Amino acid sequence: MQSEAITGVVLAGGKATRMGGIDKGLQALNGRPLWRHVAETLAPQVDELVISANRHLE
């Protein structure tokens, strides 16, 4: 049986209005940004990881 590739998607495109405009994904937790915690948790379970964000695109 052939397995199919699994792509994980993190939806992180909010406006951060409840955070006063501060991007939650960039906030540090234990010295690392929150997005990295999520990515490291999902990485062993997926073949590819995509983060959909609409802020700080540079």
PDB file of N, CA and C in Angstrom:
ATOM      1  N   MET A   1       0.845  -1.180   0.000  1.00  0.00           N
ATOM      2  CA  MET A   1       0.000   0.000   0.000  1.00  0.00           C
ATOM      3  C   MET A   1       0.891   1.243   0.000  1.00  0.00           C
ATOM      4  N   GLN A   2       0.584   2.158  -0.862  1.00  0.00           N
ATOM      5  CA  GLN A   2       1.367   3.383  -0.996  1.00  0.00           C
ATOM      6  C   GLN A   2       0.778   4.476  -0.100  1.00  0.00           C
ATOM      7  N   SER A   3       1.639   5.114   0.679  1.00  0.00           N
ATOM      8  CA  SER A   3       1.149   6.192   1.542  1.00  0.00           C
ATOM      9  C   SER A   3       1.216   7.517   0.793  1.00  0.00           C
ATOM     10  N   GLU A   4       0.320   8.399   1.146  1.00  0.00           N
ATOM     11  CA  GLU A   4       0.278   9.711   0.511  1.00  0.00           C
ATOM     12  C   GLU A   4       0.991  10.724   1.389  1.00  0.00           C
ATOM     13  N   ALA A   5       1.581  11.713   0.740  1.00  0.00           N
ATOM     14  CA  ALA A   5       2.264  12.778   1.476  1.00  0.00           C
ATOM     15  C   ALA A   5       1.225  13.616   2.225  1.00  0.00           C
ATOM     16  N   ILE A   6       1.567  14.010   3.425  1.00  0.00           N
ATOM     17  CA  ILE A   6       0.674  14.829   4.247  1.00  0.00           C
ATOM     18  C   ILE A   6       1.307  16.202   4.428  1.00  0.00           C
ATOM     19  N   THR A   7       0.527  17.229   4.106  1.00  0.00           N
ATOM     20  CA  THR A   7       0.973  18.605   4.298  1.00  0.00           C
ATOM     21  C   THR A   7       0.236  19.187   5.497  1.00  0.00           C
ATOM     22  N   GLY A   8       0.986  19.719   6.450  1.00  0.00           N
ATOM     23  CA  GLY A   8       0.396  20.390   7.603  1.00  0.00           C
ATOM     24  C   GLY A   8       0.305  21.880   7.323  1.00  0.00           C
ATOM     25  N   VAL A   9      -0.781  22.496   7.738  1.00  0.00           N
ATOM     26  CA  VAL A   9      -0.980  23.926   7.518  1.00  0.00           C
ATOM     27  C   VAL A   9      -1.256  24.600   8.858  1.00  0.00           C
ATOM     28  N   VAL A  10      -0.479  25.623   9.164  1.00  0.00           N
ATOM     29  CA  VAL A  10      -0.688  26.428  10.364  1.00  0.00           C
ATOM     30  C   VAL A  10      -1.315  27.738   9.911  1.00  0.00           C
ATOM     31  N   LEU A  11      -2.528  27.999  10.358  1.00  0.00           N
ATOM     32  CA  LEU A  11      -3.223  29.236  10.004  1.00  0.00           C
ATOM     33  C   LEU A  11      -2.875  30.297  11.038  1.00  0.00           C
ATOM     34  N   ALA A  12      -2.075  31.263  10.623  1.00  0.00           N
ATOM     35  CA  ALA A  12      -1.588  32.296  11.544  1.00  0.00           C
ATOM     36  C   ALA A  12      -1.744  33.674  10.916  1.00  0.00           C
ATOM     37  N   GLY A  13      -2.876  33.917  10.294  1.00  0.00           N
ATOM     38  CA  GLY A  13      -3.050  35.162   9.561  1.00  0.00           C
ATOM     39  C   GLY A  13      -3.988  36.147  10.207  1.00  0.00           C
ATOM     40  N   GLY A  14      -4.097  36.122  11.512  1.00  0.00           N
ATOM     41  CA  GLY A  14      -5.004  37.043  12.193  1.00  0.00           C
ATOM     42  C   GLY A  14      -4.465  38.461  12.275  1.00  0.00           C
ATOM     43  N   LYS A  15      -5.312  39.350  12.732  1.00  0.00           N
ATOM     44  CA  LYS A  15      -4.938  40.759  12.866  1.00  0.00           C
ATOM     45  C   LYS A  15      -4.386  41.093  14.241  1.00  0.00           C
ATOM     46  N   ALA A  16      -4.444  40.177  15.163  1.00  0.00           N
ATOM     47  CA  ALA A  16      -3.934  40.360  16.530  1.00  0.00           C
ATOM     48  C   ALA A  16      -4.633  41.506  17.256  1.00  0.00           C
ATOM     49  N   THR A  17      -5.910  41.707  16.970  1.00  0.00           N
ATOM     50  CA  THR A  17      -6.629  42.814  17.606  1.00  0.00           C
ATOM     51  C   THR A  17      -6.749  42.624  19.113  1.00  0.00           C
ATOM     52  N   ARG A  18      -6.916  41.393  19.568  1.00  0.00           N
ATOM     53  CA  ARG A  18      -7.016  41.146  21.014  1.00  0.00           C
ATOM     54  C   ARG A  18      -5.668  41.268  21.703  1.00  0.00           C
ATOM     55  N   MET A  19      -4.590  41.245  20.923  1.00  0.00           N
ATOM     56  CA  MET A  19      -3.235  41.366  21.479  1.00  0.00           C
ATOM     57  C   MET A  19      -2.703  42.785  21.305  1.00  0.00           C
ATOM     58  N   GLY A  20      -3.570  43.713  20.926  1.00  0.00           N
ATOM     59  CA  GLY A  20      -3.134  45.087  20.735  1.00  0.00           C
ATOM     60  C   GLY A  20      -2.216  45.253  19.533  1.00  0.00           C
ATOM     61  N   GLY A  21      -2.387  44.394  18.532  1.00  0.00           N
ATOM     62  CA  GLY A  21      -1.572  44.482  17.327  1.00  0.00           C
ATOM     63  C   GLY A  21      -0.267  43.713  17.395  1.00  0.00           C
ATOM     64  N   ILE A  22       0.019  43.082  18.530  1.00  0.00           N
ATOM     65  CA  ILE A  22       1.253  42.307  18.686  1.00  0.00           C
ATOM     66  C   ILE A  22       1.045  40.933  18.061  1.00  0.00           C
ATOM     67  N   ASP A  23       1.929  40.539  17.184  1.00  0.00           N
ATOM     68  CA  ASP A  23       1.824  39.263  16.487  1.00  0.00           C
ATOM     69  C   ASP A  23       2.108  38.111  17.450  1.00  0.00           C
ATOM     70  N   LYS A  24       1.091  37.289  17.734  1.00  0.00           N
ATOM     71  CA  LYS A  24       1.251  36.182  18.688  1.00  0.00           C
ATOM     72  C   LYS A  24       2.311  35.189  18.238  1.00  0.00           C
ATOM     73  N   GLY A  25       2.356  34.901  16.967  1.00  0.00           N
ATOM     74  CA  GLY A  25       3.306  33.917  16.456  1.00  0.00           C
ATOM     75  C   GLY A  25       4.753  34.287  16.681  1.00  0.00           C
ATOM     76  N   LEU A  26       5.014  35.577  16.844  1.00  0.00           N
ATOM     77  CA  LEU A  26       6.387  36.039  17.062  1.00  0.00           C
ATOM     78  C   LEU A  26       6.726  36.214  18.540  1.00  0.00           C
ATOM     79  N   GLN A  27       5.732  36.044  19.422  1.00  0.00           N
ATOM     80  CA  GLN A  27       5.987  36.174  20.858  1.00  0.00           C
ATOM     81  C   GLN A  27       6.795  34.987  21.364  1.00  0.00           C
ATOM     82  N   ALA A  28       7.710  35.247  22.256  1.00  0.00           N
ATOM     83  CA  ALA A  28       8.602  34.196  22.762  1.00  0.00           C
ATOM     84  C   ALA A  28       7.952  33.396  23.886  1.00  0.00           C
ATOM     85  N   LEU A  29       8.203  32.096  23.857  1.00  0.00           N
ATOM     86  CA  LEU A  29       7.825  31.188  24.929  1.00  0.00           C
ATOM     87  C   LEU A  29       9.032  30.295  25.168  1.00  0.00           C
ATOM     88  N   ASN A  30       9.580  30.357  26.356  1.00  0.00           N
ATOM     89  CA  ASN A  30      10.808  29.606  26.676  1.00  0.00           C
ATOM     90  C   ASN A  30      11.937  29.907  25.687  1.00  0.00           C
ATOM     91  N   GLY A  31      12.031  31.180  25.305  1.00  0.00           N
ATOM     92  CA  GLY A  31      13.140  31.618  24.462  1.00  0.00           C
ATOM     93  C   GLY A  31      12.977  31.392  22.969  1.00  0.00           C
ATOM     94  N   ARG A  32      11.830  30.857  22.536  1.00  0.00           N
ATOM     95  CA  ARG A  32      11.607  30.619  21.107  1.00  0.00           C
ATOM     96  C   ARG A  32      10.241  31.173  20.720  1.00  0.00           C
ATOM     97  N   PRO A  33      10.096  31.651  19.471  1.00  0.00           N
ATOM     98  CA  PRO A  33       8.793  32.178  19.056  1.00  0.00           C
ATOM     99  C   PRO A  33       7.735  31.072  19.037  1.00  0.00           C
ATOM    100  N   LEU A  34       6.488  31.452  19.273  1.00  0.00           N
ATOM    101  CA  LEU A  34       5.395  30.480  19.319  1.00  0.00           C
ATOM    102  C   LEU A  34       5.278  29.670  18.035  1.00  0.00           C
ATOM    103  N   TRP A  35       5.498  30.305  16.877  1.00  0.00           N
ATOM    104  CA  TRP A  35       5.370  29.564  15.619  1.00  0.00           C
ATOM    105  C   TRP A  35       6.344  28.392  15.573  1.00  0.00           C
ATOM    106  N   ARG A  36       7.524  28.552  16.173  1.00  0.00           N
ATOM    107  CA  ARG A  36       8.513  27.470  16.155  1.00  0.00           C
ATOM    108  C   ARG A  36       8.046  26.291  17.019  1.00  0.00           C
ATOM    109  N   HIS A  37       7.414  26.580  18.155  1.00  0.00           N
ATOM    110  CA  HIS A  37       6.870  25.508  18.995  1.00  0.00           C
ATOM    111  C   HIS A  37       5.850  24.681  18.199  1.00  0.00           C
ATOM    112  N   VAL A  38       4.961  25.373  17.492  1.00  0.00           N
ATOM    113  CA  VAL A  38       3.943  24.685  16.697  1.00  0.00           C
ATOM    114  C   VAL A  38       4.598  23.875  15.584  1.00  0.00           C
ATOM    115  N   ALA A  39       5.549  24.482  14.876  1.00  0.00           N
ATOM    116  CA  ALA A  39       6.223  23.797  13.771  1.00  0.00           C
ATOM    117  C   ALA A  39       6.963  22.552  14.251  1.00  0.00           C
ATOM    118  N   GLU A  40       7.643  22.650  15.368  1.00  0.00           N
ATOM    119  CA  GLU A  40       8.395  21.503  15.884  1.00  0.00           C
ATOM    120  C   GLU A  40       7.472  20.382  16.368  1.00  0.00           C
ATOM    121  N   THR A  41       6.289  20.749  16.837  1.00  0.00           N
ATOM    122  CA  THR A  41       5.324  19.739  17.266  1.00  0.00           C
ATOM    123  C   THR A  41       4.725  19.008  16.064  1.00  0.00           C
ATOM    124  N   LEU A  42       4.432  19.740  15.006  1.00  0.00           N
ATOM    125  CA  LEU A  42       3.814  19.142  13.824  1.00  0.00           C
ATOM    126  C   LEU A  42       4.805  18.417  12.916  1.00  0.00           C
ATOM    127  N   ALA A  43       6.038  18.849  12.883  1.00  0.00           N
ATOM    128  CA  ALA A  43       7.028  18.333  11.928  1.00  0.00           C
ATOM    129  C   ALA A  43       7.122  16.806  11.869  1.00  0.00           C
ATOM    130  N   PRO A  44       7.145  16.089  12.983  1.00  0.00           N
ATOM    131  CA  PRO A  44       7.258  14.628  12.895  1.00  0.00           C
ATOM    132  C   PRO A  44       6.016  13.948  12.301  1.00  0.00           C
ATOM    133  N   GLN A  45       4.914  14.676  12.203  1.00  0.00           N
ATOM    134  CA  GLN A  45       3.654  14.086  11.758  1.00  0.00           C
ATOM    135  C   GLN A  45       3.310  14.388  10.310  1.00  0.00           C
ATOM    136  N   VAL A  46       4.058  15.286   9.671  1.00  0.00           N
ATOM    137  CA  VAL A  46       3.744  15.693   8.300  1.00  0.00           C
ATOM    138  C   VAL A  46       4.993  15.621   7.424  1.00  0.00           C
ATOM    139  N   ASP A  47       4.761  15.589   6.106  1.00  0.00           N
ATOM    140  CA  ASP A  47       5.871  15.582   5.155  1.00  0.00           C
ATOM    141  C   ASP A  47       6.302  16.996   4.788  1.00  0.00           C
ATOM    142  N   GLU A  48       5.360  17.909   4.845  1.00  0.00           N
ATOM    143  CA  GLU A  48       5.619  19.309   4.507  1.00  0.00           C
ATOM    144  C   GLU A  48       4.800  20.168   5.456  1.00  0.00           C
ATOM    145  N   LEU A  49       5.337  21.330   5.822  1.00  0.00           N
ATOM    146  CA  LEU A  49       4.634  22.231   6.726  1.00  0.00           C
ATOM    147  C   LEU A  49       4.567  23.609   6.091  1.00  0.00           C
ATOM    148  N   VAL A  50       3.356  24.157   6.039  1.00  0.00           N
ATOM    149  CA  VAL A  50       3.122  25.473   5.460  1.00  0.00           C
ATOM    150  C   VAL A  50       2.542  26.362   6.544  1.00  0.00           C
ATOM    151  N   ILE A  51       3.060  27.577   6.655  1.00  0.00           N
ATOM    152  CA  ILE A  51       2.515  28.549   7.601  1.00  0.00           C
ATOM    153  C   ILE A  51       1.872  29.660   6.793  1.00  0.00           C
ATOM    154  N   SER A  52       0.576  29.853   6.983  1.00  0.00           N
ATOM    155  CA  SER A  52      -0.159  30.899   6.291  1.00  0.00           C
ATOM    156  C   SER A  52      -0.248  32.107   7.216  1.00  0.00           C
ATOM    157  N   ALA A  53       0.423  33.187   6.834  1.00  0.00           N
ATOM    158  CA  ALA A  53       0.442  34.408   7.643  1.00  0.00           C
ATOM    159  C   ALA A  53       0.254  35.605   6.722  1.00  0.00           C
ATOM    160  N   ASN A  54      -0.288  36.681   7.258  1.00  0.00           N
ATOM    161  CA  ASN A  54      -0.486  37.858   6.422  1.00  0.00           C
ATOM    162  C   ASN A  54       0.225  39.092   6.958  1.00  0.00           C
ATOM    163  N   ARG A  55       1.075  38.911   7.937  1.00  0.00           N
ATOM    164  CA  ARG A  55       1.799  40.033   8.521  1.00  0.00           C
ATOM    165  C   ARG A  55       3.283  39.748   8.479  1.00  0.00           C
ATOM    166  N   HIS A  56       4.069  40.778   8.503  1.00  0.00           N
ATOM    167  CA  HIS A  56       5.528  40.657   8.553  1.00  0.00           C
ATOM    168  C   HIS A  56       6.039  39.702   7.469  1.00  0.00           C
ATOM    169  N   LEU A  57       5.655  39.969   6.247  1.00  0.00           N
ATOM    170  CA  LEU A  57       5.998  39.083   5.138  1.00  0.00           C
ATOM    171  C   LEU A  57       7.456  39.164   4.719  1.00  0.00           C
ATOM    172  N   GLU A  58       8.186  40.170   5.182  1.00  0.00           N
ATOM    173  CA  GLU A  58       9.579  40.310   4.767  1.00  0.00           C
ATOM    174  C   GLU A  58      10.387  39.193   5.265  1.00  0.00           C
TER     175      GLU A  58
END
